[in-house]
Amino acid sequence: VYRAVDVTLEREVAVKLINPDLRNDAEFDVRFQREARIASQLSDPHIIVVHDFGIDPTYGPFLVMEFLQGQSLRERLQSEGPLQLKAGLQLSAQLLLALIHAHGKNIVHRDIKPDNIFLLNQSGVRLHTRVLDFGIARIFRRDEPGKAETLTSPGAVLGTPRYMSPEQLAGQPVDARSDLY
């Protein structure tokens, strides 16, 4: 992820380049573009904003996102220890609002973990968070869970095992409940 400037709109942005080794799969570019469209559909104050995406001939797939200042929840816990009760409740409420929004659009994150929860530097005492990396998101249809559109191969197990739901670890279909696990 690189810090950059959007010269058209004169604003700081973050540009995430995708590891070129992942492009060995012939379907990768199609899946990447689908992922980027999914992420750009999300418009919640607790989910990172995706401004643009594309595939550069030299550098490959990229996402242009809002530039955030702060630290991941993991970094915060390592540097300062456990959150105070009020901050923990604020973070939990904001995380749930982000998931409600994503699940309302039939998107399951599948990798909720401290590294993907970002704490913004803001003045005042209120904690403000953003959920990052819908990179292994899965679109699901509540009415037809067996017909979910996925960015990964059927039966693939992606995510961080320490934070995965049992059905995800087993390579079984996931839905919104997997994010809550």
N, C-alpha and C. Protein backbone atom coordinates (compact mmCIF):
# COMPACT_ATOMS: atom_id res chain seq x y z
N VAL A 1 0.86 -1.17 0.00
CA VAL A 1 0.00 0.00 0.00
C VAL A 1 0.91 1.23 0.00
N TYR A 2 0.62 2.15 -0.91
CA TYR A 2 1.42 3.37 -1.05
C TYR A 2 0.57 4.60 -0.78
N ARG A 3 1.19 5.60 -0.20
CA ARG A 3 0.56 6.90 -0.03
C ARG A 3 0.77 7.68 -1.33
N ALA A 4 -0.30 8.28 -1.85
CA ALA A 4 -0.20 8.97 -3.13
C ALA A 4 -1.11 10.20 -3.11
N VAL A 5 -1.08 10.95 -4.21
CA VAL A 5 -1.94 12.12 -4.36
C VAL A 5 -2.77 11.94 -5.62
N ASP A 6 -4.08 12.08 -5.46
CA ASP A 6 -5.00 12.11 -6.60
C ASP A 6 -4.86 13.51 -7.19
N VAL A 7 -4.20 13.62 -8.34
CA VAL A 7 -3.91 14.94 -8.90
C VAL A 7 -5.16 15.63 -9.43
N THR A 8 -6.15 14.87 -9.82
CA THR A 8 -7.39 15.47 -10.33
C THR A 8 -8.16 16.16 -9.21
N LEU A 9 -8.33 15.46 -8.10
CA LEU A 9 -9.11 16.00 -6.98
C LEU A 9 -8.24 16.59 -5.87
N GLU A 10 -6.92 16.54 -6.05
CA GLU A 10 -5.97 17.11 -5.10
C GLU A 10 -6.22 16.62 -3.68
N ARG A 11 -6.17 15.30 -3.51
CA ARG A 11 -6.36 14.72 -2.18
C ARG A 11 -5.40 13.55 -2.02
N GLU A 12 -5.04 13.30 -0.76
CA GLU A 12 -4.20 12.14 -0.46
C GLU A 12 -5.04 10.88 -0.56
N VAL A 13 -4.44 9.85 -1.11
CA VAL A 13 -5.10 8.56 -1.24
C VAL A 13 -4.10 7.46 -0.89
N ALA A 14 -4.62 6.27 -0.70
CA ALA A 14 -3.79 5.08 -0.54
C ALA A 14 -3.99 4.23 -1.79
N VAL A 15 -2.89 3.76 -2.37
CA VAL A 15 -2.96 2.91 -3.55
C VAL A 15 -2.45 1.53 -3.14
N LYS A 16 -3.31 0.56 -3.27
CA LYS A 16 -2.95 -0.81 -2.91
C LYS A 16 -2.67 -1.59 -4.18
N LEU A 17 -1.41 -2.03 -4.32
CA LEU A 17 -1.03 -2.86 -5.45
C LEU A 17 -1.15 -4.32 -5.04
N ILE A 18 -1.65 -5.12 -5.94
CA ILE A 18 -1.84 -6.53 -5.67
C ILE A 18 -0.58 -7.29 -6.08
N ASN A 19 -0.16 -8.22 -5.24
CA ASN A 19 1.04 -9.01 -5.51
C ASN A 19 0.95 -9.65 -6.89
N PRO A 20 1.93 -9.36 -7.78
CA PRO A 20 1.86 -9.89 -9.15
C PRO A 20 1.88 -11.42 -9.20
N ASP A 21 2.44 -12.07 -8.19
CA ASP A 21 2.48 -13.54 -8.16
C ASP A 21 1.07 -14.14 -8.13
N LEU A 22 0.11 -13.38 -7.63
CA LEU A 22 -1.27 -13.88 -7.56
C LEU A 22 -1.93 -13.92 -8.93
N ARG A 23 -1.34 -13.23 -9.90
CA ARG A 23 -1.95 -13.14 -11.22
C ARG A 23 -1.66 -14.37 -12.09
N ASN A 24 -1.01 -15.39 -11.53
CA ASN A 24 -0.72 -16.60 -12.30
C ASN A 24 -2.00 -17.31 -12.72
N ASP A 25 -3.04 -17.17 -11.93
CA ASP A 25 -4.33 -17.77 -12.24
C ASP A 25 -5.00 -16.95 -13.35
N ALA A 26 -5.43 -17.62 -14.40
CA ALA A 26 -6.03 -16.93 -15.56
C ALA A 26 -7.27 -16.14 -15.18
N GLU A 27 -7.98 -16.55 -14.14
CA GLU A 27 -9.21 -15.89 -13.73
C GLU A 27 -8.98 -14.73 -12.77
N PHE A 28 -7.73 -14.50 -12.36
CA PHE A 28 -7.47 -13.53 -11.30
C PHE A 28 -7.98 -12.14 -11.64
N ASP A 29 -7.68 -11.63 -12.85
CA ASP A 29 -8.07 -10.27 -13.21
C ASP A 29 -9.58 -10.09 -13.16
N VAL A 30 -10.32 -11.09 -13.60
CA VAL A 30 -11.79 -11.02 -13.56
C VAL A 30 -12.26 -10.98 -12.11
N ARG A 31 -11.68 -11.84 -11.27
CA ARG A 31 -12.05 -11.86 -9.85
C ARG A 31 -11.69 -10.55 -9.19
N PHE A 32 -10.50 -10.01 -9.51
CA PHE A 32 -10.08 -8.74 -8.93
C PHE A 32 -11.06 -7.63 -9.27
N GLN A 33 -11.44 -7.52 -10.55
CA GLN A 33 -12.37 -6.46 -10.94
C GLN A 33 -13.72 -6.62 -10.25
N ARG A 34 -14.16 -7.87 -10.07
CA ARG A 34 -15.41 -8.11 -9.35
C ARG A 34 -15.27 -7.68 -7.89
N GLU A 35 -14.13 -8.01 -7.26
CA GLU A 35 -13.87 -7.61 -5.88
C GLU A 35 -13.90 -6.10 -5.74
N ALA A 36 -13.24 -5.41 -6.66
CA ALA A 36 -13.17 -3.96 -6.60
C ALA A 36 -14.56 -3.34 -6.75
N ARG A 37 -15.36 -3.89 -7.65
CA ARG A 37 -16.74 -3.38 -7.79
C ARG A 37 -17.52 -3.60 -6.50
N ILE A 38 -17.34 -4.76 -5.89
CA ILE A 38 -18.02 -5.05 -4.62
C ILE A 38 -17.62 -4.02 -3.57
N ALA A 39 -16.32 -3.84 -3.41
CA ALA A 39 -15.82 -2.91 -2.39
C ALA A 39 -16.30 -1.49 -2.66
N SER A 40 -16.40 -1.10 -3.92
CA SER A 40 -16.83 0.26 -4.23
C SER A 40 -18.33 0.46 -4.00
N GLN A 41 -19.10 -0.60 -3.85
CA GLN A 41 -20.53 -0.50 -3.55
C GLN A 41 -20.79 -0.16 -2.09
N LEU A 42 -19.80 -0.38 -1.26
CA LEU A 42 -19.97 -0.17 0.17
C LEU A 42 -19.80 1.30 0.51
N SER A 43 -20.80 1.88 1.15
CA SER A 43 -20.73 3.30 1.51
C SER A 43 -21.24 3.46 2.94
N ASP A 44 -20.37 3.17 3.85
CA ASP A 44 -20.69 3.27 5.27
C ASP A 44 -19.53 4.00 5.94
N PRO A 45 -19.82 4.86 6.93
CA PRO A 45 -18.73 5.60 7.57
C PRO A 45 -17.71 4.72 8.30
N HIS A 46 -18.02 3.43 8.44
CA HIS A 46 -17.13 2.54 9.16
C HIS A 46 -16.45 1.52 8.23
N ILE A 47 -16.51 1.77 6.93
CA ILE A 47 -15.86 0.93 5.93
C ILE A 47 -15.00 1.83 5.06
N ILE A 48 -13.77 1.41 4.80
CA ILE A 48 -12.87 2.22 3.98
C ILE A 48 -13.51 2.48 2.61
N VAL A 49 -13.29 3.69 2.10
CA VAL A 49 -13.86 4.09 0.81
C VAL A 49 -12.90 3.70 -0.32
N VAL A 50 -13.43 3.01 -1.31
CA VAL A 50 -12.66 2.70 -2.52
C VAL A 50 -13.07 3.72 -3.57
N HIS A 51 -12.11 4.54 -4.00
CA HIS A 51 -12.37 5.59 -4.99
C HIS A 51 -12.29 5.09 -6.42
N ASP A 52 -11.35 4.18 -6.67
CA ASP A 52 -11.10 3.76 -8.05
C ASP A 52 -10.37 2.42 -8.03
N PHE A 53 -10.32 1.78 -9.17
CA PHE A 53 -9.57 0.54 -9.32
C PHE A 53 -9.26 0.34 -10.78
N GLY A 54 -8.32 -0.53 -11.04
CA GLY A 54 -7.97 -0.82 -12.43
C GLY A 54 -6.83 -1.80 -12.50
N ILE A 55 -6.36 -2.01 -13.72
CA ILE A 55 -5.21 -2.89 -13.94
C ILE A 55 -4.22 -2.11 -14.79
N ASP A 56 -3.10 -1.75 -14.18
CA ASP A 56 -2.05 -1.01 -14.86
C ASP A 56 -1.19 -1.99 -15.65
N PRO A 57 -0.83 -1.66 -16.90
CA PRO A 57 -0.04 -2.59 -17.70
C PRO A 57 1.32 -2.94 -17.08
N THR A 58 1.89 -2.00 -16.32
CA THR A 58 3.20 -2.25 -15.71
C THR A 58 3.09 -2.85 -14.32
N TYR A 59 2.21 -2.29 -13.47
CA TYR A 59 2.17 -2.68 -12.06
C TYR A 59 1.04 -3.65 -11.72
N GLY A 60 0.14 -3.88 -12.63
CA GLY A 60 -0.94 -4.83 -12.40
C GLY A 60 -2.14 -4.22 -11.70
N PRO A 61 -2.95 -5.05 -11.03
CA PRO A 61 -4.17 -4.58 -10.40
C PRO A 61 -3.89 -3.62 -9.24
N PHE A 62 -4.76 -2.63 -9.11
CA PHE A 62 -4.62 -1.67 -8.01
C PHE A 62 -5.98 -1.19 -7.54
N LEU A 63 -6.03 -0.79 -6.29
CA LEU A 63 -7.19 -0.13 -5.69
C LEU A 63 -6.74 1.24 -5.21
N VAL A 64 -7.55 2.26 -5.43
CA VAL A 64 -7.30 3.59 -4.89
C VAL A 64 -8.34 3.82 -3.80
N MET A 65 -7.84 4.02 -2.59
CA MET A 65 -8.73 4.13 -1.43
C MET A 65 -8.45 5.42 -0.68
N GLU A 66 -9.36 5.75 0.22
CA GLU A 66 -9.12 6.92 1.06
C GLU A 66 -7.86 6.66 1.89
N PHE A 67 -7.10 7.71 2.13
CA PHE A 67 -5.91 7.61 2.96
C PHE A 67 -6.32 7.80 4.41
N LEU A 68 -5.96 6.84 5.25
CA LEU A 68 -6.32 6.89 6.65
C LEU A 68 -5.10 7.15 7.52
N GLN A 69 -5.27 7.94 8.55
CA GLN A 69 -4.20 8.15 9.53
C GLN A 69 -4.65 7.55 10.84
N GLY A 70 -3.81 6.70 11.38
CA GLY A 70 -4.12 6.04 12.63
C GLY A 70 -3.36 4.74 12.72
N GLN A 71 -4.00 3.72 13.28
CA GLN A 71 -3.34 2.43 13.44
C GLN A 71 -4.38 1.31 13.46
N SER A 72 -3.91 0.12 13.16
CA SER A 72 -4.82 -1.03 13.23
C SER A 72 -5.12 -1.34 14.68
N LEU A 73 -6.19 -2.06 14.88
CA LEU A 73 -6.53 -2.48 16.24
C LEU A 73 -5.40 -3.33 16.81
N ARG A 74 -4.79 -4.18 15.99
CA ARG A 74 -3.66 -5.00 16.47
C ARG A 74 -2.53 -4.12 16.99
N GLU A 75 -2.17 -3.09 16.21
CA GLU A 75 -1.09 -2.18 16.64
C GLU A 75 -1.46 -1.48 17.94
N ARG A 76 -2.70 -1.06 18.04
CA ARG A 76 -3.16 -0.36 19.25
C ARG A 76 -3.11 -1.27 20.46
N LEU A 77 -3.56 -2.51 20.32
CA LEU A 77 -3.54 -3.46 21.44
C LEU A 77 -2.11 -3.78 21.85
N GLN A 78 -1.21 -3.89 20.89
CA GLN A 78 0.20 -4.19 21.20
C GLN A 78 0.88 -3.02 21.90
N SER A 79 0.55 -1.80 21.51
CA SER A 79 1.23 -0.64 22.09
C SER A 79 0.64 -0.17 23.42
N GLU A 80 -0.68 -0.31 23.58
CA GLU A 80 -1.33 0.25 24.77
C GLU A 80 -2.10 -0.76 25.60
N GLY A 81 -2.19 -2.00 25.15
CA GLY A 81 -2.93 -3.00 25.91
C GLY A 81 -4.42 -2.95 25.62
N PRO A 82 -5.20 -3.66 26.41
CA PRO A 82 -6.64 -3.76 26.17
C PRO A 82 -7.33 -2.40 26.15
N LEU A 83 -8.39 -2.32 25.35
CA LEU A 83 -9.19 -1.10 25.30
C LEU A 83 -10.00 -0.96 26.58
N GLN A 84 -10.25 0.27 26.96
CA GLN A 84 -11.15 0.50 28.08
C GLN A 84 -12.55 0.10 27.65
N LEU A 85 -13.43 -0.17 28.59
CA LEU A 85 -14.78 -0.66 28.30
C LEU A 85 -15.51 0.24 27.31
N LYS A 86 -15.51 1.54 27.56
CA LYS A 86 -16.25 2.46 26.68
C LYS A 86 -15.71 2.40 25.25
N ALA A 87 -14.39 2.39 25.09
CA ALA A 87 -13.78 2.33 23.76
C ALA A 87 -14.10 0.99 23.10
N GLY A 88 -14.08 -0.09 23.86
CA GLY A 88 -14.42 -1.41 23.33
C GLY A 88 -15.86 -1.47 22.84
N LEU A 89 -16.75 -0.85 23.59
CA LEU A 89 -18.16 -0.82 23.18
C LEU A 89 -18.35 0.03 21.92
N GLN A 90 -17.65 1.18 21.85
CA GLN A 90 -17.73 2.02 20.66
C GLN A 90 -17.22 1.28 19.44
N LEU A 91 -16.07 0.62 19.58
CA LEU A 91 -15.50 -0.13 18.47
C LEU A 91 -16.45 -1.24 18.03
N SER A 92 -16.98 -1.98 18.98
CA SER A 92 -17.90 -3.08 18.65
C SER A 92 -19.13 -2.58 17.92
N ALA A 93 -19.70 -1.48 18.39
CA ALA A 93 -20.90 -0.93 17.75
C ALA A 93 -20.60 -0.51 16.31
N GLN A 94 -19.47 0.14 16.10
CA GLN A 94 -19.11 0.59 14.75
C GLN A 94 -18.81 -0.59 13.83
N LEU A 95 -18.15 -1.60 14.35
CA LEU A 95 -17.88 -2.80 13.57
C LEU A 95 -19.19 -3.47 13.16
N LEU A 96 -20.13 -3.56 14.10
CA LEU A 96 -21.42 -4.17 13.78
C LEU A 96 -22.19 -3.35 12.75
N LEU A 97 -22.13 -2.02 12.84
CA LEU A 97 -22.79 -1.18 11.84
C LEU A 97 -22.19 -1.42 10.46
N ALA A 98 -20.87 -1.54 10.37
CA ALA A 98 -20.21 -1.83 9.09
C ALA A 98 -20.67 -3.17 8.54
N LEU A 99 -20.74 -4.18 9.39
CA LEU A 99 -21.16 -5.51 8.95
C LEU A 99 -22.64 -5.53 8.55
N ILE A 100 -23.47 -4.81 9.28
CA ILE A 100 -24.89 -4.72 8.91
C ILE A 100 -25.01 -4.14 7.51
N HIS A 101 -24.23 -3.09 7.23
CA HIS A 101 -24.26 -2.48 5.90
C HIS A 101 -23.80 -3.48 4.83
N ALA A 102 -22.66 -4.12 5.05
CA ALA A 102 -22.13 -5.07 4.07
C ALA A 102 -23.08 -6.24 3.88
N HIS A 103 -23.58 -6.79 4.98
CA HIS A 103 -24.49 -7.94 4.89
C HIS A 103 -25.79 -7.54 4.20
N GLY A 104 -26.22 -6.29 4.38
CA GLY A 104 -27.41 -5.79 3.68
C GLY A 104 -27.22 -5.77 2.17
N LYS A 105 -25.97 -5.71 1.74
CA LYS A 105 -25.65 -5.76 0.30
C LYS A 105 -25.20 -7.17 -0.09
N ASN A 106 -25.46 -8.13 0.79
CA ASN A 106 -25.11 -9.53 0.55
C ASN A 106 -23.61 -9.77 0.41
N ILE A 107 -22.82 -9.03 1.17
CA ILE A 107 -21.37 -9.19 1.14
C ILE A 107 -20.89 -9.68 2.51
N VAL A 108 -20.16 -10.77 2.51
CA VAL A 108 -19.54 -11.31 3.72
C VAL A 108 -18.06 -10.98 3.65
N HIS A 109 -17.51 -10.42 4.71
CA HIS A 109 -16.10 -10.02 4.72
C HIS A 109 -15.17 -11.23 4.73
N ARG A 110 -15.38 -12.18 5.58
CA ARG A 110 -14.64 -13.43 5.73
C ARG A 110 -13.25 -13.30 6.33
N ASP A 111 -12.86 -12.12 6.78
CA ASP A 111 -11.54 -11.99 7.41
C ASP A 111 -11.54 -10.86 8.44
N ILE A 112 -12.55 -10.85 9.30
CA ILE A 112 -12.59 -9.84 10.37
C ILE A 112 -11.56 -10.23 11.41
N LYS A 113 -10.60 -9.34 11.62
CA LYS A 113 -9.52 -9.57 12.59
C LYS A 113 -8.95 -8.21 12.97
N PRO A 114 -8.15 -8.14 14.03
CA PRO A 114 -7.60 -6.85 14.47
C PRO A 114 -6.81 -6.10 13.40
N ASP A 115 -6.16 -6.82 12.48
CA ASP A 115 -5.41 -6.14 11.42
C ASP A 115 -6.32 -5.44 10.42
N ASN A 116 -7.57 -5.86 10.32
CA ASN A 116 -8.51 -5.28 9.35
C ASN A 116 -9.50 -4.32 10.00
N ILE A 117 -9.23 -3.94 11.23
CA ILE A 117 -10.01 -2.90 11.91
C ILE A 117 -9.05 -1.76 12.19
N PHE A 118 -9.34 -0.60 11.60
CA PHE A 118 -8.42 0.54 11.67
C PHE A 118 -9.01 1.61 12.58
N LEU A 119 -8.18 2.12 13.48
CA LEU A 119 -8.59 3.17 14.40
C LEU A 119 -8.06 4.50 13.88
N LEU A 120 -8.95 5.40 13.57
CA LEU A 120 -8.56 6.70 13.00
C LEU A 120 -8.06 7.64 14.08
N ASN A 121 -7.07 8.45 13.71
CA ASN A 121 -6.63 9.53 14.59
C ASN A 121 -7.63 10.67 14.45
N GLN A 122 -8.36 10.94 15.49
CA GLN A 122 -9.31 12.05 15.46
C GLN A 122 -9.24 12.77 16.79
N SER A 123 -9.52 14.06 16.76
CA SER A 123 -9.54 14.80 18.01
C SER A 123 -10.78 14.41 18.79
N GLY A 124 -10.73 14.63 20.07
CA GLY A 124 -11.86 14.25 20.92
C GLY A 124 -11.66 12.88 21.52
N VAL A 125 -12.65 12.43 22.23
CA VAL A 125 -12.52 11.17 22.96
C VAL A 125 -13.19 10.00 22.27
N ARG A 126 -14.01 10.26 21.27
CA ARG A 126 -14.74 9.19 20.60
C ARG A 126 -13.82 8.40 19.68
N LEU A 127 -13.87 7.12 19.79
CA LEU A 127 -13.12 6.22 18.93
C LEU A 127 -13.84 6.11 17.59
N HIS A 128 -13.11 6.16 16.49
CA HIS A 128 -13.73 6.00 15.18
C HIS A 128 -12.96 4.96 14.39
N THR A 129 -13.70 3.98 13.84
CA THR A 129 -13.06 2.85 13.16
C THR A 129 -13.48 2.75 11.71
N ARG A 130 -12.65 2.03 10.94
CA ARG A 130 -12.97 1.66 9.57
C ARG A 130 -12.60 0.18 9.41
N VAL A 131 -13.45 -0.54 8.73
CA VAL A 131 -13.15 -1.93 8.39
C VAL A 131 -12.42 -1.91 7.05
N LEU A 132 -11.31 -2.63 6.99
CA LEU A 132 -10.46 -2.68 5.80
C LEU A 132 -10.57 -4.03 5.12
N ASP A 133 -10.07 -4.09 3.93
CA ASP A 133 -9.76 -5.32 3.20
C ASP A 133 -10.94 -6.26 2.99
N PHE A 134 -11.79 -5.86 2.08
CA PHE A 134 -12.84 -6.78 1.65
C PHE A 134 -12.30 -7.66 0.53
N GLY A 135 -11.00 -7.92 0.57
CA GLY A 135 -10.30 -8.63 -0.49
C GLY A 135 -10.71 -10.07 -0.70
N ILE A 136 -11.24 -10.73 0.32
CA ILE A 136 -11.70 -12.10 0.11
C ILE A 136 -13.20 -12.16 0.37
N ALA A 137 -13.83 -11.00 0.18
CA ALA A 137 -15.27 -10.93 0.38
C ALA A 137 -16.00 -11.93 -0.50
N ARG A 138 -17.17 -12.28 -0.08
CA ARG A 138 -17.99 -13.20 -0.84
C ARG A 138 -19.39 -12.63 -0.91
N ILE A 139 -19.94 -12.62 -2.09
CA ILE A 139 -21.33 -12.21 -2.25
C ILE A 139 -22.19 -13.44 -1.98
N PHE A 140 -23.21 -13.25 -1.18
CA PHE A 140 -24.11 -14.37 -0.93
C PHE A 140 -25.54 -13.92 -1.17
N ARG A 141 -26.39 -14.87 -1.46
CA ARG A 141 -27.81 -14.56 -1.63
C ARG A 141 -28.55 -15.30 -0.54
N ARG A 142 -29.25 -14.55 0.31
CA ARG A 142 -29.97 -15.18 1.42
C ARG A 142 -31.00 -16.19 0.92
N ASP A 143 -31.62 -15.88 -0.21
CA ASP A 143 -32.67 -16.76 -0.72
C ASP A 143 -32.09 -18.02 -1.37
N GLU A 144 -30.86 -17.94 -1.85
CA GLU A 144 -30.23 -19.09 -2.50
C GLU A 144 -28.77 -19.19 -2.07
N PRO A 145 -28.50 -19.61 -0.81
CA PRO A 145 -27.12 -19.63 -0.34
C PRO A 145 -26.21 -20.51 -1.17
N GLY A 146 -26.72 -21.50 -1.84
CA GLY A 146 -25.89 -22.38 -2.66
C GLY A 146 -25.42 -21.72 -3.94
N LYS A 147 -26.01 -20.56 -4.29
CA LYS A 147 -25.65 -19.89 -5.53
C LYS A 147 -24.85 -18.62 -5.26
N ALA A 148 -24.07 -18.61 -4.20
CA ALA A 148 -23.28 -17.43 -3.87
C ALA A 148 -22.20 -17.23 -4.92
N GLU A 149 -21.99 -15.98 -5.27
CA GLU A 149 -20.90 -15.64 -6.20
C GLU A 149 -19.67 -15.42 -5.33
N THR A 150 -18.57 -16.03 -5.68
CA THR A 150 -17.40 -15.96 -4.83
C THR A 150 -16.17 -15.51 -5.61
N LEU A 151 -15.25 -14.92 -4.90
CA LEU A 151 -14.00 -14.49 -5.51
C LEU A 151 -12.96 -15.59 -5.45
N THR A 152 -13.26 -16.65 -4.75
CA THR A 152 -12.30 -17.73 -4.58
C THR A 152 -12.84 -18.99 -5.23
N SER A 153 -11.98 -19.97 -5.39
CA SER A 153 -12.40 -21.24 -5.98
C SER A 153 -13.28 -21.99 -5.01
N PRO A 154 -14.24 -22.79 -5.51
CA PRO A 154 -15.08 -23.57 -4.62
C PRO A 154 -14.24 -24.44 -3.71
N GLY A 155 -14.58 -24.45 -2.42
CA GLY A 155 -13.87 -25.26 -1.45
C GLY A 155 -12.57 -24.64 -0.96
N ALA A 156 -12.19 -23.48 -1.51
CA ALA A 156 -10.95 -22.83 -1.07
C ALA A 156 -11.13 -22.28 0.34
N VAL A 157 -10.09 -22.39 1.13
CA VAL A 157 -10.12 -21.88 2.49
C VAL A 157 -9.20 -20.67 2.53
N LEU A 158 -9.79 -19.47 2.59
CA LEU A 158 -9.01 -18.25 2.66
C LEU A 158 -9.42 -17.47 3.89
N GLY A 159 -8.47 -16.76 4.45
CA GLY A 159 -8.71 -16.00 5.66
C GLY A 159 -7.57 -16.26 6.62
N THR A 160 -7.75 -15.82 7.84
CA THR A 160 -6.77 -16.03 8.88
C THR A 160 -7.32 -17.10 9.82
N PRO A 161 -6.73 -18.31 9.81
CA PRO A 161 -7.31 -19.43 10.56
C PRO A 161 -7.70 -19.09 12.01
N ARG A 162 -6.90 -18.28 12.68
CA ARG A 162 -7.19 -17.95 14.07
C ARG A 162 -8.55 -17.25 14.24
N TYR A 163 -9.02 -16.59 13.19
CA TYR A 163 -10.26 -15.81 13.27
C TYR A 163 -11.39 -16.38 12.43
N MET A 164 -11.19 -17.53 11.84
CA MET A 164 -12.19 -18.10 10.92
C MET A 164 -13.26 -18.89 11.66
N SER A 165 -14.47 -18.83 11.12
CA SER A 165 -15.57 -19.63 11.66
C SER A 165 -15.33 -21.09 11.29
N PRO A 166 -15.93 -22.03 12.03
CA PRO A 166 -15.72 -23.46 11.74
C PRO A 166 -16.11 -23.84 10.31
N GLU A 167 -17.21 -23.29 9.79
CA GLU A 167 -17.63 -23.65 8.43
C GLU A 167 -16.64 -23.11 7.39
N GLN A 168 -16.05 -21.97 7.67
CA GLN A 168 -15.06 -21.41 6.75
C GLN A 168 -13.79 -22.26 6.77
N LEU A 169 -13.36 -22.67 7.97
CA LEU A 169 -12.19 -23.54 8.09
C LEU A 169 -12.39 -24.86 7.34
N ALA A 170 -13.62 -25.34 7.34
CA ALA A 170 -13.92 -26.61 6.68
C ALA A 170 -14.14 -26.44 5.18
N GLY A 171 -14.06 -25.21 4.66
CA GLY A 171 -14.26 -24.98 3.24
C GLY A 171 -15.72 -25.07 2.82
N GLN A 172 -16.62 -24.93 3.80
CA GLN A 172 -18.05 -24.98 3.52
C GLN A 172 -18.58 -23.59 3.21
N PRO A 173 -19.79 -23.50 2.68
CA PRO A 173 -20.38 -22.18 2.37
C PRO A 173 -20.47 -21.31 3.63
N VAL A 174 -20.22 -20.02 3.44
CA VAL A 174 -20.31 -19.06 4.55
C VAL A 174 -21.42 -18.05 4.26
N ASP A 175 -21.90 -17.43 5.32
CA ASP A 175 -22.86 -16.35 5.20
C ASP A 175 -22.53 -15.32 6.27
N ALA A 176 -23.44 -14.41 6.52
CA ALA A 176 -23.18 -13.31 7.45
C ALA A 176 -22.80 -13.79 8.85
N ARG A 177 -23.30 -14.95 9.25
CA ARG A 177 -22.96 -15.48 10.58
C ARG A 177 -21.48 -15.73 10.74
N SER A 178 -20.80 -16.04 9.64
CA SER A 178 -19.36 -16.30 9.70
C SER A 178 -18.58 -15.06 10.15
N ASP A 179 -19.03 -13.88 9.72
CA ASP A 179 -18.37 -12.64 10.16
C ASP A 179 -18.58 -12.41 11.64
N LEU A 180 -19.72 -12.79 12.17
CA LEU A 180 -20.01 -12.56 13.58
C LEU A 180 -19.24 -13.52 14.48
N TYR A 181 -18.88 -14.68 13.94
CA TYR A 181 -18.14 -15.66 14.72
C TYR A 181 -16.85 -15.06 15.20
